[in-house]
N, C-alpha and C. Protein backbone atom coordinates (compact mmCIF):
# COMPACT_ATOMS: atom_id res chain seq x y z
N MET A 1 88.47 108.55 102.81
CA MET A 1 89.47 108.74 103.84
C MET A 1 90.67 107.89 103.49
N ARG A 2 91.62 108.45 102.81
CA ARG A 2 92.75 107.69 102.31
C ARG A 2 93.94 107.78 103.26
N GLY A 3 94.76 106.73 103.23
CA GLY A 3 96.03 106.74 103.92
C GLY A 3 97.07 107.33 102.98
N ARG A 4 98.29 107.45 103.47
CA ARG A 4 99.36 108.04 102.70
C ARG A 4 99.59 107.26 101.41
N GLY A 5 99.49 107.95 100.28
CA GLY A 5 99.80 107.34 99.00
C GLY A 5 98.71 106.42 98.44
N GLN A 6 97.56 106.35 99.10
CA GLN A 6 96.52 105.47 98.60
C GLN A 6 95.56 106.25 97.70
N THR A 7 95.08 105.56 96.69
CA THR A 7 94.11 106.15 95.77
C THR A 7 92.71 105.92 96.30
N MET A 8 91.76 106.60 95.68
CA MET A 8 90.35 106.38 96.04
C MET A 8 89.98 104.92 95.80
N ALA A 9 90.51 104.33 94.72
CA ALA A 9 90.21 102.94 94.41
C ALA A 9 90.75 102.02 95.51
N ALA A 10 91.98 102.29 95.98
CA ALA A 10 92.57 101.48 97.05
C ALA A 10 91.75 101.58 98.32
N THR A 11 91.30 102.78 98.63
CA THR A 11 90.47 102.97 99.81
C THR A 11 89.15 102.21 99.68
N ALA A 12 88.56 102.24 98.52
CA ALA A 12 87.31 101.51 98.30
C ALA A 12 87.53 100.00 98.45
N ILE A 13 88.65 99.49 97.94
CA ILE A 13 88.94 98.06 98.08
C ILE A 13 89.16 97.72 99.55
N PHE A 14 89.90 98.58 100.27
CA PHE A 14 90.10 98.35 101.71
C PHE A 14 88.77 98.29 102.43
N GLU A 15 87.90 99.26 102.15
CA GLU A 15 86.60 99.28 102.81
C GLU A 15 85.78 98.04 102.47
N SER A 16 85.93 97.52 101.24
CA SER A 16 85.20 96.30 100.89
C SER A 16 85.77 95.09 101.64
N LEU A 17 87.08 95.11 101.95
CA LEU A 17 87.70 94.02 102.70
C LEU A 17 87.12 93.89 104.11
N ILE A 18 86.76 95.03 104.70
CA ILE A 18 86.26 95.01 106.08
C ILE A 18 84.74 95.17 106.15
N ASP A 19 84.10 95.13 105.00
CA ASP A 19 82.64 95.20 104.97
C ASP A 19 82.07 94.00 105.73
N GLY A 20 81.15 94.25 106.60
CA GLY A 20 80.55 93.17 107.38
C GLY A 20 81.29 92.87 108.68
N PHE A 21 82.41 93.54 108.93
CA PHE A 21 83.13 93.37 110.18
C PHE A 21 82.41 94.18 111.27
N ASP A 22 82.40 93.68 112.49
CA ASP A 22 81.93 94.46 113.62
C ASP A 22 83.02 95.44 114.01
N ALA A 23 82.65 96.47 114.77
CA ALA A 23 83.60 97.51 115.15
C ALA A 23 83.60 97.73 116.65
N ALA A 24 84.78 98.01 117.19
CA ALA A 24 84.94 98.39 118.59
C ALA A 24 85.94 99.53 118.64
N ASP A 25 85.56 100.62 119.30
CA ASP A 25 86.44 101.77 119.44
C ASP A 25 87.41 101.57 120.60
N TRP A 26 88.62 102.09 120.42
CA TRP A 26 89.65 102.03 121.45
C TRP A 26 89.50 103.22 122.38
N PRO A 27 89.66 103.09 123.67
CA PRO A 27 89.97 101.84 124.37
C PRO A 27 88.76 100.91 124.39
N ILE A 28 89.03 99.66 124.21
CA ILE A 28 87.98 98.66 124.08
C ILE A 28 87.57 98.15 125.45
N ARG A 29 86.28 98.11 125.65
CA ARG A 29 85.75 97.44 126.84
C ARG A 29 85.64 95.97 126.48
N VAL A 30 86.56 95.17 126.99
CA VAL A 30 86.61 93.76 126.57
C VAL A 30 85.34 93.00 126.93
N ASP A 31 84.57 93.49 127.91
CA ASP A 31 83.34 92.79 128.25
C ASP A 31 82.27 92.95 127.17
N THR A 32 82.52 93.82 126.18
CA THR A 32 81.57 93.99 125.07
C THR A 32 81.93 93.12 123.87
N LEU A 33 83.08 92.47 123.92
CA LEU A 33 83.53 91.62 122.80
C LEU A 33 83.07 90.18 122.99
N PRO A 34 82.92 89.45 121.90
CA PRO A 34 82.55 88.03 122.01
C PRO A 34 83.61 87.26 122.80
N LYS A 35 83.17 86.37 123.63
CA LYS A 35 84.10 85.57 124.44
C LYS A 35 84.15 84.12 123.98
N SER A 36 83.53 83.83 122.87
CA SER A 36 83.51 82.46 122.37
C SER A 36 84.91 82.05 121.93
N SER A 37 85.11 80.75 121.80
CA SER A 37 86.42 80.25 121.38
C SER A 37 86.51 80.07 119.87
N GLU A 38 85.49 80.60 119.16
CA GLU A 38 85.58 80.55 117.70
C GLU A 38 86.70 81.49 117.25
N GLY A 39 87.17 81.30 116.05
CA GLY A 39 88.23 82.15 115.54
C GLY A 39 87.73 83.50 115.08
N PHE A 40 88.63 84.46 115.10
CA PHE A 40 88.34 85.81 114.64
C PHE A 40 89.51 86.34 113.84
N VAL A 41 89.22 87.19 112.89
CA VAL A 41 90.23 87.96 112.19
C VAL A 41 89.90 89.42 112.48
N TYR A 42 90.94 90.27 112.63
CA TYR A 42 90.68 91.66 113.02
C TYR A 42 91.70 92.60 112.38
N VAL A 43 91.30 93.88 112.29
CA VAL A 43 92.14 94.91 111.71
C VAL A 43 92.10 96.13 112.63
N PHE A 44 93.27 96.63 113.03
CA PHE A 44 93.36 97.90 113.75
C PHE A 44 93.39 99.02 112.72
N ILE A 45 92.57 100.03 112.94
CA ILE A 45 92.47 101.16 112.00
C ILE A 45 92.63 102.46 112.79
N VAL A 46 93.45 103.37 112.25
CA VAL A 46 93.64 104.70 112.82
C VAL A 46 92.79 105.68 112.02
N PHE A 47 92.08 106.57 112.72
CA PHE A 47 91.30 107.63 112.09
C PHE A 47 91.87 108.96 112.56
N CYS A 48 92.32 109.77 111.61
CA CYS A 48 92.89 111.08 111.95
C CYS A 48 92.52 112.08 110.87
N ASN A 49 91.91 113.19 111.29
CA ASN A 49 91.56 114.27 110.36
C ASN A 49 90.94 113.77 109.06
N GLY A 50 89.95 112.90 109.19
CA GLY A 50 89.25 112.40 108.02
C GLY A 50 89.97 111.31 107.27
N ARG A 51 91.11 110.88 107.76
CA ARG A 51 91.86 109.79 107.11
C ARG A 51 91.66 108.49 107.87
N GLN A 52 91.71 107.42 107.13
CA GLN A 52 91.54 106.07 107.67
C GLN A 52 92.75 105.26 107.24
N LEU A 53 93.42 104.62 108.21
CA LEU A 53 94.65 103.90 107.90
C LEU A 53 94.72 102.59 108.67
N PRO A 54 94.69 101.45 107.97
CA PRO A 54 94.88 100.17 108.68
C PRO A 54 96.33 100.07 109.12
N ILE A 55 96.56 99.61 110.35
CA ILE A 55 97.94 99.51 110.84
C ILE A 55 98.35 98.10 111.24
N TYR A 56 97.39 97.21 111.47
CA TYR A 56 97.74 95.85 111.88
C TYR A 56 96.58 94.91 111.59
N VAL A 57 96.91 93.70 111.17
CA VAL A 57 95.92 92.64 110.93
C VAL A 57 96.32 91.44 111.76
N GLY A 58 95.36 90.84 112.45
CA GLY A 58 95.65 89.67 113.26
C GLY A 58 94.51 88.67 113.23
N GLN A 59 94.75 87.54 113.87
CA GLN A 59 93.73 86.51 114.02
C GLN A 59 93.92 85.86 115.38
N THR A 60 92.84 85.38 115.95
CA THR A 60 92.90 84.79 117.28
C THR A 60 91.67 83.93 117.54
N LYS A 61 91.77 83.09 118.55
CA LYS A 61 90.60 82.35 119.02
C LYS A 61 90.15 82.88 120.37
N ARG A 62 90.75 83.99 120.81
CA ARG A 62 90.40 84.60 122.10
C ARG A 62 90.40 86.12 121.95
N LEU A 63 89.40 86.64 121.28
CA LEU A 63 89.37 88.05 120.89
C LEU A 63 89.47 89.00 122.08
N ALA A 64 88.64 88.83 123.09
CA ALA A 64 88.65 89.75 124.22
C ALA A 64 90.01 89.74 124.92
N ALA A 65 90.54 88.56 125.17
CA ALA A 65 91.85 88.46 125.83
C ALA A 65 92.96 89.05 124.97
N ARG A 66 92.85 88.86 123.65
CA ARG A 66 93.89 89.38 122.74
C ARG A 66 93.92 90.90 122.78
N MET A 67 92.75 91.53 122.83
CA MET A 67 92.71 92.99 122.92
C MET A 67 93.33 93.46 124.23
N GLY A 68 93.13 92.69 125.29
CA GLY A 68 93.77 93.00 126.58
C GLY A 68 95.28 92.91 126.48
N ASP A 69 95.78 91.93 125.71
CA ASP A 69 97.23 91.81 125.50
C ASP A 69 97.80 93.08 124.89
N TYR A 70 97.09 93.64 123.92
CA TYR A 70 97.57 94.87 123.27
C TYR A 70 97.50 96.06 124.22
N GLU A 71 96.49 96.08 125.07
CA GLU A 71 96.38 97.17 126.03
C GLU A 71 97.55 97.14 127.02
N TYR A 72 97.92 95.96 127.48
CA TYR A 72 99.03 95.83 128.44
C TYR A 72 100.38 95.98 127.76
N ALA A 73 100.49 95.59 126.52
CA ALA A 73 101.69 95.80 125.69
C ALA A 73 102.98 95.39 126.40
N GLN A 74 103.04 94.15 126.83
CA GLN A 74 104.24 93.66 127.51
C GLN A 74 105.42 93.59 126.55
N PHE A 75 106.54 94.14 126.95
CA PHE A 75 107.72 94.23 126.09
C PHE A 75 108.23 92.85 125.64
N ALA A 76 108.14 91.85 126.49
CA ALA A 76 108.63 90.51 126.14
C ALA A 76 107.78 89.86 125.04
N ALA A 77 106.59 90.37 124.81
CA ALA A 77 105.71 89.87 123.74
C ALA A 77 105.76 90.90 122.60
N CYS A 78 106.62 90.68 121.65
CA CYS A 78 106.93 91.66 120.61
C CYS A 78 105.70 92.22 119.91
N THR A 79 104.82 91.38 119.43
CA THR A 79 103.64 91.87 118.72
C THR A 79 102.75 92.68 119.63
N ASP A 80 102.53 92.20 120.85
CA ASP A 80 101.70 92.94 121.81
C ASP A 80 102.28 94.34 122.04
N PHE A 81 103.59 94.41 122.21
CA PHE A 81 104.24 95.69 122.48
C PHE A 81 104.14 96.62 121.27
N ARG A 82 104.45 96.11 120.08
CA ARG A 82 104.42 96.96 118.89
C ARG A 82 103.02 97.51 118.63
N VAL A 83 102.02 96.66 118.66
CA VAL A 83 100.65 97.12 118.40
C VAL A 83 100.19 98.03 119.53
N GLY A 84 100.41 97.62 120.77
CA GLY A 84 99.98 98.43 121.91
C GLY A 84 100.62 99.81 121.92
N GLU A 85 101.92 99.87 121.64
CA GLU A 85 102.63 101.16 121.63
C GLU A 85 102.17 102.04 120.46
N ALA A 86 101.95 101.46 119.31
CA ALA A 86 101.46 102.24 118.16
C ALA A 86 100.08 102.80 118.45
N VAL A 87 99.22 101.99 119.03
CA VAL A 87 97.87 102.44 119.38
C VAL A 87 97.94 103.57 120.41
N ARG A 88 98.76 103.41 121.44
CA ARG A 88 98.92 104.47 122.45
C ARG A 88 99.42 105.76 121.82
N TYR A 89 100.41 105.63 120.96
CA TYR A 89 101.00 106.81 120.32
C TYR A 89 99.96 107.55 119.48
N PHE A 90 99.30 106.83 118.60
CA PHE A 90 98.28 107.48 117.76
C PHE A 90 97.13 108.04 118.60
N HIS A 91 96.69 107.31 119.59
CA HIS A 91 95.53 107.72 120.39
C HIS A 91 95.88 108.85 121.37
N ASN A 92 96.95 108.67 122.13
CA ASN A 92 97.27 109.62 123.20
C ASN A 92 98.07 110.84 122.74
N GLU A 93 98.99 110.64 121.81
CA GLU A 93 99.87 111.74 121.43
C GLU A 93 99.50 112.39 120.10
N ARG A 94 98.87 111.66 119.23
CA ARG A 94 98.48 112.22 117.94
C ARG A 94 96.98 112.53 117.90
N ASP A 95 96.28 112.19 118.98
CA ASP A 95 94.85 112.48 119.13
C ASP A 95 94.02 111.87 117.99
N CYS A 96 94.36 110.66 117.62
CA CYS A 96 93.64 109.94 116.57
C CYS A 96 92.68 108.95 117.21
N GLY A 97 91.63 108.65 116.50
CA GLY A 97 90.72 107.60 116.92
C GLY A 97 91.28 106.25 116.48
N ILE A 98 91.01 105.23 117.27
CA ILE A 98 91.45 103.87 116.94
C ILE A 98 90.21 102.99 116.97
N GLN A 99 90.11 102.14 115.98
CA GLN A 99 89.00 101.20 115.92
C GLN A 99 89.55 99.83 115.56
N VAL A 100 88.97 98.82 116.16
CA VAL A 100 89.28 97.44 115.78
C VAL A 100 88.04 96.91 115.08
N ARG A 101 88.24 96.46 113.84
CA ARG A 101 87.16 95.83 113.07
C ARG A 101 87.43 94.33 113.11
N TYR A 102 86.42 93.52 113.41
CA TYR A 102 86.61 92.08 113.56
C TYR A 102 85.41 91.32 113.06
N ARG A 103 85.65 90.08 112.72
CA ARG A 103 84.57 89.16 112.35
C ARG A 103 85.01 87.75 112.67
N SER A 104 84.05 86.88 112.84
CA SER A 104 84.38 85.48 113.09
C SER A 104 84.99 84.88 111.83
N SER A 105 85.83 83.88 112.04
CA SER A 105 86.52 83.25 110.93
C SER A 105 86.85 81.80 111.29
N THR A 106 86.48 80.89 110.42
CA THR A 106 86.84 79.49 110.63
C THR A 106 88.21 79.17 110.02
N HIS A 107 88.74 80.13 109.25
CA HIS A 107 90.06 79.96 108.63
C HIS A 107 90.90 81.20 108.92
N GLY A 108 91.16 81.42 110.22
CA GLY A 108 91.81 82.65 110.67
C GLY A 108 93.13 82.95 110.01
N LEU A 109 94.03 81.97 109.95
CA LEU A 109 95.35 82.22 109.35
C LEU A 109 95.24 82.58 107.87
N GLN A 110 94.39 81.87 107.14
CA GLN A 110 94.21 82.18 105.71
C GLN A 110 93.57 83.56 105.51
N ASP A 111 92.57 83.88 106.33
CA ASP A 111 91.92 85.19 106.21
C ASP A 111 92.90 86.31 106.57
N GLU A 112 93.67 86.10 107.63
CA GLU A 112 94.68 87.09 108.01
C GLU A 112 95.67 87.30 106.86
N TYR A 113 96.19 86.22 106.32
CA TYR A 113 97.14 86.30 105.21
C TYR A 113 96.54 87.04 104.01
N ARG A 114 95.30 86.69 103.66
CA ARG A 114 94.64 87.30 102.50
C ARG A 114 94.46 88.81 102.70
N ILE A 115 94.04 89.22 103.88
CA ILE A 115 93.84 90.65 104.15
C ILE A 115 95.18 91.38 104.15
N ILE A 116 96.18 90.81 104.81
CA ILE A 116 97.51 91.45 104.83
C ILE A 116 98.03 91.60 103.41
N ARG A 117 97.97 90.55 102.63
CA ARG A 117 98.49 90.58 101.26
C ARG A 117 97.75 91.63 100.42
N GLU A 118 96.44 91.69 100.55
CA GLU A 118 95.66 92.67 99.79
C GLU A 118 96.02 94.10 100.20
N LEU A 119 96.15 94.33 101.50
CA LEU A 119 96.51 95.67 101.97
C LEU A 119 97.92 96.06 101.49
N GLN A 120 98.84 95.11 101.51
CA GLN A 120 100.19 95.38 101.00
C GLN A 120 100.14 95.75 99.52
N LEU A 121 99.37 95.01 98.75
CA LEU A 121 99.26 95.28 97.31
C LEU A 121 98.56 96.60 97.03
N LEU A 122 97.77 97.09 97.99
CA LEU A 122 97.12 98.39 97.84
C LEU A 122 98.05 99.53 98.27
N GLY A 123 99.23 99.18 98.81
CA GLY A 123 100.20 100.21 99.19
C GLY A 123 100.22 100.56 100.66
N PHE A 124 99.48 99.84 101.49
CA PHE A 124 99.48 100.12 102.92
C PHE A 124 100.69 99.46 103.58
N HIS A 125 101.28 100.15 104.55
CA HIS A 125 102.38 99.61 105.35
C HIS A 125 101.80 99.25 106.71
N LEU A 126 102.01 98.02 107.12
CA LEU A 126 101.41 97.51 108.36
C LEU A 126 102.48 97.18 109.39
N LEU A 127 102.09 97.21 110.65
CA LEU A 127 103.01 96.76 111.70
C LEU A 127 103.40 95.30 111.49
N ASN A 128 102.55 94.55 110.80
CA ASN A 128 102.89 93.15 110.48
C ASN A 128 104.21 93.08 109.70
N ASP A 129 104.53 94.15 108.95
CA ASP A 129 105.74 94.17 108.13
C ASP A 129 106.99 94.53 108.91
N LEU A 130 106.83 95.14 110.09
CA LEU A 130 107.96 95.58 110.88
C LEU A 130 108.63 94.38 111.53
N ARG A 131 109.90 94.22 111.26
CA ARG A 131 110.63 93.05 111.76
C ARG A 131 110.58 92.97 113.28
N ALA A 132 110.39 91.76 113.79
CA ALA A 132 110.32 91.53 115.23
C ALA A 132 111.69 91.77 115.87
N TYR A 133 111.68 92.12 117.14
CA TYR A 133 112.92 92.32 117.89
C TYR A 133 113.11 91.16 118.86
N ASP A 134 114.34 91.02 119.34
CA ASP A 134 114.66 90.06 120.39
C ASP A 134 114.76 90.87 121.68
N TYR A 135 113.82 90.67 122.59
CA TYR A 135 113.77 91.50 123.78
C TYR A 135 114.98 91.33 124.69
N HIS A 136 115.80 90.29 124.45
CA HIS A 136 117.03 90.12 125.21
C HIS A 136 118.14 91.03 124.66
N GLN A 137 117.98 91.50 123.43
CA GLN A 137 119.03 92.27 122.75
C GLN A 137 118.75 93.77 122.67
N THR A 138 117.58 94.21 123.13
CA THR A 138 117.21 95.63 123.03
C THR A 138 116.44 96.02 124.28
N ASN A 139 115.88 97.22 124.29
CA ASN A 139 115.09 97.65 125.45
C ASN A 139 113.83 98.36 124.97
N ALA A 140 112.90 98.56 125.89
CA ALA A 140 111.59 99.12 125.53
C ALA A 140 111.71 100.52 124.95
N ASP A 141 112.58 101.35 125.50
CA ASP A 141 112.71 102.72 124.99
C ASP A 141 113.20 102.74 123.55
N ALA A 142 114.17 101.90 123.23
CA ALA A 142 114.69 101.84 121.86
C ALA A 142 113.62 101.37 120.90
N GLU A 143 112.88 100.35 121.28
CA GLU A 143 111.83 99.83 120.41
C GLU A 143 110.66 100.80 120.28
N ARG A 144 110.36 101.51 121.36
CA ARG A 144 109.30 102.52 121.31
C ARG A 144 109.65 103.59 120.27
N LYS A 145 110.90 103.99 120.23
CA LYS A 145 111.35 104.98 119.23
C LYS A 145 111.18 104.44 117.81
N ILE A 146 111.50 103.18 117.61
CA ILE A 146 111.33 102.55 116.29
C ILE A 146 109.85 102.54 115.90
N ILE A 147 108.99 102.18 116.83
CA ILE A 147 107.55 102.12 116.55
C ILE A 147 107.03 103.52 116.21
N ARG A 148 107.47 104.52 116.93
CA ARG A 148 107.02 105.89 116.64
C ARG A 148 107.54 106.36 115.28
N ARG A 149 108.75 106.00 114.95
CA ARG A 149 109.26 106.34 113.61
C ARG A 149 108.40 105.68 112.54
N PHE A 150 108.07 104.42 112.74
CA PHE A 150 107.21 103.71 111.79
C PHE A 150 105.87 104.42 111.66
N CYS A 151 105.27 104.78 112.79
CA CYS A 151 103.99 105.49 112.77
C CYS A 151 104.09 106.81 112.01
N ASN A 152 105.19 107.51 112.18
CA ASN A 152 105.38 108.79 111.50
C ASN A 152 105.67 108.62 110.01
N VAL A 153 106.15 107.48 109.62
CA VAL A 153 106.33 107.18 108.19
C VAL A 153 104.98 106.92 107.55
N ILE A 154 104.15 106.10 108.20
CA ILE A 154 102.88 105.75 107.58
C ILE A 154 101.85 106.87 107.67
N MET A 155 101.99 107.76 108.66
CA MET A 155 101.12 108.92 108.78
C MET A 155 101.93 110.09 109.37
N PRO A 156 102.64 110.80 108.49
CA PRO A 156 103.48 111.92 108.97
C PRO A 156 102.67 112.95 109.74
N GLU A 157 103.27 113.47 110.81
CA GLU A 157 102.58 114.45 111.65
C GLU A 157 102.12 115.65 110.86
N ALA A 158 102.90 116.11 109.90
CA ALA A 158 102.53 117.28 109.11
C ALA A 158 101.22 117.08 108.36
N GLU A 159 100.89 115.82 108.03
CA GLU A 159 99.67 115.54 107.28
C GLU A 159 98.42 115.55 108.15
N VAL A 160 98.59 115.48 109.47
CA VAL A 160 97.42 115.45 110.34
C VAL A 160 97.41 116.60 111.33
N ALA A 161 98.36 117.49 111.24
CA ALA A 161 98.43 118.62 112.19
C ALA A 161 97.37 119.65 111.89
């Protein structure tokens, strides 16, 4: 299940990166996630018509609450809004499955960096790469359009229709 422009080898490397990660399907029931204060690293993955595409990598010490942040997608919190809006768009309008793969991590920032760097080198485009906005200088509708454009670049509608 390759993303746009990815080879079978790149897909295999991606799958090896998330080997051993637990999985939660979106929408996530946060009461099923670990509530410990240990660190976690996680990857949002879109599944559409047999394709698998990582869209965001993060790390946190509050996994259940962090997933709630993405669900609420408050505009003043740039990352929450971008990830939440992309997930809504793929799930609600493109009819794609969304999964969050996660595992505990004692070195969250390093693990996040390593996974992001590896995915970039494999040719994946992530929301992590999309420049942050200043919510005082723009509005939610304008940013929503940018996020949807980004989603359509990484997975064009024609490829999943």
